[in-house]
Amino acid sequence: MPTRVHEFAWPDRVVVGTIGLPGARTFYLQVRSGTQIVSIALEKQQSALLAEKIDEILDQLITVEGNPFSVPTSTPIELFDNDQLEAVQEQFRTGSMSLGWDPTTAQVVIEAYPITDVDADDDESLDEGEPDAAEMLLVRLPVGTARAFAKRTREIVGAGRPTCPLCGYPIDADGHICTLPEA
């Protein structure tokens, strides 16, 4: 069976957003081009790692002599997106992801694959290999859009439950029992 590819070469919008309250949020990577919208569920850690790795790629590209790809050092204000997710219909829950750079188009490339039985036993969020999947998401982001995507994603991830300064575990809205490590 051939893989169904949800491909976005120059998306109108690409964001990570959440549904639910802190402690019970579901993270989504949502991409729109015209009327085509695809939403895939992610783990919080996958979202955070994706933003971190995108920034690493962009920061490395800035160091290339002459910055031939015009990579911005910060988020272009006109590209920042504070809007809520659009109507979410989950396409799939993300298992593995890959991230790359296409110098021919000067775009960051994100590939996401559905969770499989193999992924359930794997702690690694961004894999090197391409799993055999029935569908996948392929998104190509221009450098400014990629920088804005990473910034928003870090803010969304950071907007969760506050961390207890004593034990380091999240503080729930309905209370917190601090489990200090024994000395």
Protein backbone atom coordinates (compact mmCIF):
# COMPACT_ATOMS: atom_id res chain seq x y z
CA MET A 1 0.00 0.00 0.00
CA PRO A 2 1.51 3.37 -0.97
CA THR A 3 2.13 5.98 1.70
CA ARG A 4 -0.40 8.83 1.75
CA VAL A 5 1.67 12.01 2.01
CA HIS A 6 0.13 15.21 3.39
CA GLU A 7 2.60 17.61 1.76
CA PHE A 8 2.87 21.34 2.36
CA ALA A 9 5.62 23.01 0.32
CA TRP A 10 4.83 26.66 1.18
CA PRO A 11 2.17 26.52 3.93
CA ASP A 12 0.01 29.52 4.75
CA ARG A 13 0.16 28.59 8.43
CA VAL A 14 2.11 26.12 10.54
CA VAL A 15 1.80 26.15 14.34
CA VAL A 16 1.88 24.04 17.46
CA GLY A 17 -1.13 24.60 19.69
CA THR A 18 -2.98 22.83 22.47
CA ILE A 19 -6.45 21.79 23.46
CA GLY A 20 -7.27 21.32 27.13
CA LEU A 21 -6.09 22.66 30.46
CA PRO A 22 -2.49 22.50 31.71
CA GLY A 23 -1.83 19.00 32.96
CA ALA A 24 -4.33 17.56 30.51
CA ARG A 25 -3.38 19.33 27.28
CA THR A 26 -3.11 17.65 23.91
CA PHE A 27 -0.48 19.18 21.63
CA TYR A 28 -1.12 19.49 17.90
CA LEU A 29 1.05 20.40 14.95
CA GLN A 30 -1.36 22.08 12.55
CA VAL A 31 -0.58 23.03 8.95
CA ARG A 32 -2.80 24.92 6.51
CA SER A 33 -2.47 25.76 2.86
CA GLY A 34 -5.59 27.31 1.36
CA THR A 35 -8.49 25.19 2.56
CA GLN A 36 -6.37 22.08 3.28
CA ILE A 37 -5.74 21.68 7.02
CA VAL A 38 -3.91 18.79 8.66
CA SER A 39 -3.60 18.40 12.44
CA ILE A 40 -1.42 15.74 14.03
CA ALA A 41 -1.12 15.06 17.76
CA LEU A 42 2.31 15.35 19.42
CA GLU A 43 3.70 14.80 22.86
CA LYS A 44 4.81 17.89 24.77
CA GLN A 45 8.41 16.64 24.67
CA GLN A 46 8.24 16.15 20.89
CA SER A 47 7.01 19.73 20.50
CA ALA A 48 9.80 21.10 22.69
CA LEU A 49 12.48 19.06 20.93
CA LEU A 50 11.20 20.08 17.50
CA ALA A 51 11.45 23.79 18.39
CA GLU A 52 14.92 23.29 19.89
CA LYS A 53 16.26 21.43 16.85
CA ILE A 54 14.78 23.93 14.37
CA ASP A 55 16.53 26.76 16.23
CA GLU A 56 19.79 24.75 16.21
CA ILE A 57 19.59 24.29 12.43
CA LEU A 58 18.85 27.98 11.87
CA ASP A 59 21.59 29.10 14.27
CA GLN A 60 24.12 26.90 12.43
CA LEU A 61 23.05 28.35 9.08
CA ILE A 62 23.61 31.89 10.36
CA THR A 63 27.27 31.03 10.90
CA VAL A 64 27.74 30.18 7.21
CA GLU A 65 29.86 32.92 5.71
CA GLY A 66 27.68 35.66 4.29
CA ASN A 67 24.44 34.03 5.59
CA PRO A 68 23.45 33.10 2.00
CA PHE A 69 20.01 31.87 3.09
CA SER A 70 19.07 35.15 4.88
CA VAL A 71 18.34 33.33 8.12
CA PRO A 72 16.92 35.78 10.69
CA THR A 73 18.52 35.86 14.15
CA SER A 74 15.13 36.47 15.76
CA THR A 75 11.49 36.00 14.85
CA PRO A 76 10.26 38.41 12.17
CA ILE A 77 7.36 40.24 13.84
CA GLU A 78 5.11 39.93 10.77
CA LEU A 79 5.41 36.12 10.87
CA PHE A 80 4.52 35.59 14.53
CA ASP A 81 1.15 33.83 14.98
CA ASN A 82 -0.77 34.10 18.29
CA ASP A 83 -4.06 32.73 16.97
CA GLN A 84 -5.77 29.62 18.30
CA LEU A 85 -5.76 26.35 16.41
CA GLU A 86 -8.32 26.13 13.65
CA ALA A 87 -10.91 23.32 13.71
CA VAL A 88 -8.92 20.26 14.80
CA GLN A 89 -9.55 16.86 13.26
CA GLU A 90 -6.65 14.66 14.32
CA GLN A 91 -5.10 12.97 11.29
CA PHE A 92 -2.81 10.79 13.40
CA ARG A 93 -0.77 10.64 16.60
CA THR A 94 2.89 11.26 15.89
CA GLY A 95 5.35 8.48 16.53
CA SER A 96 8.62 9.37 14.85
CA MET A 97 9.78 12.58 13.22
CA SER A 98 12.70 13.70 11.14
CA LEU A 99 14.03 17.18 10.59
CA GLY A 100 16.28 18.41 7.83
CA TRP A 101 17.45 21.28 5.66
CA ASP A 102 16.92 21.65 1.92
CA PRO A 103 19.54 24.10 0.56
CA THR A 104 17.94 24.11 -2.90
CA THR A 105 14.79 25.79 -1.56
CA ALA A 106 16.27 27.27 1.66
CA GLN A 107 13.64 25.50 3.76
CA VAL A 108 13.54 23.48 6.96
CA VAL A 109 11.87 20.12 6.27
CA ILE A 110 9.74 18.34 8.88
CA GLU A 111 8.54 14.77 8.37
CA ALA A 112 6.13 13.18 10.85
CA TYR A 113 4.92 9.58 10.89
CA PRO A 114 2.10 7.93 12.84
CA ILE A 115 2.88 6.04 16.01
CA THR A 116 3.54 2.35 15.48
CA ASP A 117 4.07 -0.59 17.83
CA VAL A 118 7.84 -0.13 17.43
CA ASP A 119 7.57 3.58 18.39
CA ALA A 120 5.67 2.73 21.57
CA ASP A 121 8.79 1.00 22.93
CA ASP A 122 11.22 3.72 21.74
CA ASP A 123 12.10 6.74 23.89
CA GLU A 124 13.68 8.68 20.98
CA SER A 125 11.38 11.44 19.64
CA LEU A 126 13.28 12.40 16.48
CA ASP A 127 14.44 9.32 14.60
CA GLU A 128 16.95 9.09 11.77
CA GLY A 129 15.13 6.38 9.81
CA GLU A 130 11.88 6.51 7.90
CA PRO A 131 9.37 4.00 9.24
CA ASP A 132 7.09 2.07 6.93
CA ALA A 133 3.89 4.08 7.42
CA ALA A 134 0.52 4.27 5.67
CA GLU A 135 0.64 8.07 5.87
CA MET A 136 2.98 10.90 6.75
CA LEU A 137 3.13 14.67 7.04
CA LEU A 138 5.77 16.54 5.04
CA VAL A 139 6.16 20.27 5.73
CA ARG A 140 8.68 22.65 4.18
CA LEU A 141 9.21 25.91 6.09
CA PRO A 142 11.00 29.02 4.85
CA VAL A 143 13.59 30.23 7.37
CA GLY A 144 11.53 33.13 8.77
CA THR A 145 8.46 30.95 9.21
CA ALA A 146 10.62 28.26 10.85
CA ARG A 147 12.00 30.81 13.35
CA ALA A 148 8.46 32.03 14.17
CA PHE A 149 7.24 28.42 14.50
CA ALA A 150 10.03 27.58 16.98
CA LYS A 151 9.35 30.69 19.08
CA ARG A 152 5.61 30.03 19.33
CA THR A 153 6.20 26.36 20.12
CA ARG A 154 8.57 27.21 23.00
CA GLU A 155 5.94 29.61 24.40
CA ILE A 156 3.14 27.02 24.10
CA VAL A 157 5.26 24.35 25.82
CA GLY A 158 6.25 26.81 28.57
CA ALA A 159 2.64 27.80 29.27
CA GLY A 160 1.89 24.58 31.14
CA ARG A 161 1.78 23.88 34.84
CA PRO A 162 4.34 25.68 37.00
CA THR A 163 7.17 23.61 38.43
CA CYS A 164 7.60 23.15 42.20
CA PRO A 165 10.84 24.88 43.24
CA LEU A 166 11.49 22.18 45.87
CA CYS A 167 10.89 18.88 44.08
CA GLY A 168 10.80 19.89 40.42
CA TYR A 169 7.48 18.18 39.67
CA PRO A 170 4.53 20.06 38.12
CA ILE A 171 2.10 21.78 40.47
CA ASP A 172 -1.49 20.79 39.67
CA ALA A 173 -4.39 23.25 39.97
CA ASP A 174 -6.07 20.94 42.52
CA GLY A 175 -3.02 20.73 44.79
CA HIS A 176 0.49 19.40 45.06
CA ILE A 177 2.14 16.96 47.41
CA CYS A 178 5.81 17.76 47.37
CA THR A 179 8.00 14.68 47.22
CA LEU A 180 11.34 15.99 48.35
CA PRO A 181 14.22 13.61 47.67
CA GLU A 182 15.60 12.08 50.85
CA ALA A 183 19.10 13.13 51.83
